[in-house]
Amino acid sequence: MSEADLIVVTDTGSSDGTVNKLRNRGAVVYEEKVEPWRFDTARNLSLSHVPEDVDVCVCTDLDEVFVKGWRQKLEDAWEDDASMGNYLYNWSLNPDGSPDTQFIYFKVHGRHCYIWNYPVHECLKYIGDKPEKKIFIDGMVLNHYPDPLKSRGSYLPLLKMGASEKPDDPRMSYYLGREYMYAEKWTECITELKRYLSLPNATWAEERCAAMRWIAKSYDKLGDTAQAYRWYHRAIAEAPHMREPYVECALMAYFQKDWITTFFMSESALRITAKSDCFINAGYAWNFTPHDLAAISCYNLGLKELAHFHAKCALSLSPKNERLKNNLSLIEKAL
C-alpha cells in the first residue's frame, strides 16, 4: 500500500505485534473492539477513521498485496464522476506465482458515497445522491495470499444471521448454501440453494449457475449421480459461456468412469476461450485439467490420436507434472 497518500488501519484485536509493526512503517493505526463481531460493522468503523477530505479509498486486508504501479493505473482510469473502481483480483496463486482463481474486485470507492453491508461476505452499498458510476481500472492487480490454517468457524453463524435478517436477499442465501457445502452439510446445502433459486431477485445467471453446481456436487456426495447430472446440465443451461460447470461435470463423470460424458464435457469446456468478466474463474477450469480429462477419456474410448493431442496440451500447461508426463508416455507407447 506504500503508493497511497495515507494508510489507515483498524486493528480489531491482533496479539502478535501487528499494531507496532504497522506504526513503525508509517501507518495510522486505530485499535477497536467489535462485539458482537460482524464484518460490516468492522469495515464501517474502519471507514470512519479515514479523513473526511480523502477523495478515493482503496480497501485491502493484510493478506493482500497490490502489484507495484497500482496507484498510477488508478489515477489514469479514474474519472471525476466515478464512484467505484473495479480491478483484477487473484484470490489464489499457483506455486510459480501465476494466477489460479481470479475474479473482478470492487474495493476502490469514493469516500462519502458508500457504506459496508452484510455481517459476512460484506460488500459496498451505494448511498450517494448522484447516479452510481463504476469504472474498470486496467492493469490494477491485487494478489491474495490466504492462510490455509485460518478458521472459517465464524462464517456459518454469521451467514445464518444475515439470511435471517434479510430472508429475501439472494446474496446471503447463496453464500449460506455454499458454506453448507464447504462444511459438507450436503442436504442443508441443497435445501438452501433451492430456496435461493426460488427468490425473485436471484437473477444473476453466473451466480445461479454456481448454485446449481453446488447442488450437483452435493447430490454427487450423497450418492445420487442421476440428480447430480441433472443439476450440472441445468447449470450449463443457465450460463453456457462458463467453463466451470462443464469441467466439474467432466470430473464427476471421470470418477464414474463415464468416458463419453467426460469426453463431451471436457471438449465443450475447451471450446470456451474467454474468462468471465463478472464472476469467479476457477483455476481448475483454465489450467491443464480440461485437456487432461479429454486425454484420459479419449484413451479409454480408443481415440489414441486425439488422446495424444490433449495429453501434449495438458503437459504444456503444467510441464513439471510427473503424472502428465507419464500419461503422455503411456499414450505414445500405445500409438
Foldseek 3Di string as FASTA:
>chain_A
DVVDPAAEEEAADDDDCPVVVCVVVPHHYHYHHDPPAFDLVVVQVSLVPPDPPDFKDADDDPQKDKDPPQVVLCVVWDDPQAFWEKEKEQQDADPVRHGFKIAIDIRMGTSPFWGWDARPPIDTDGRDPDDHHYTYRPPIYMYGDDDPPDDPVVVQVSLVVRCVVPVLDLVSLLVNLVVCLVVLVLVSSLVSLVSSVPRPPNPDLLSNLVSLQSNLVSCVVVVNNVSSVVSLVVSCVSPVLALVSLLSQLVSCVVVVVLVSVQVSLVSLVVRDDHDHHDMRGRCSPALRSLCSNLVSCVVVVVLVSSLVSLVVSCVRVVVDPVSVVSNVVSVVVD
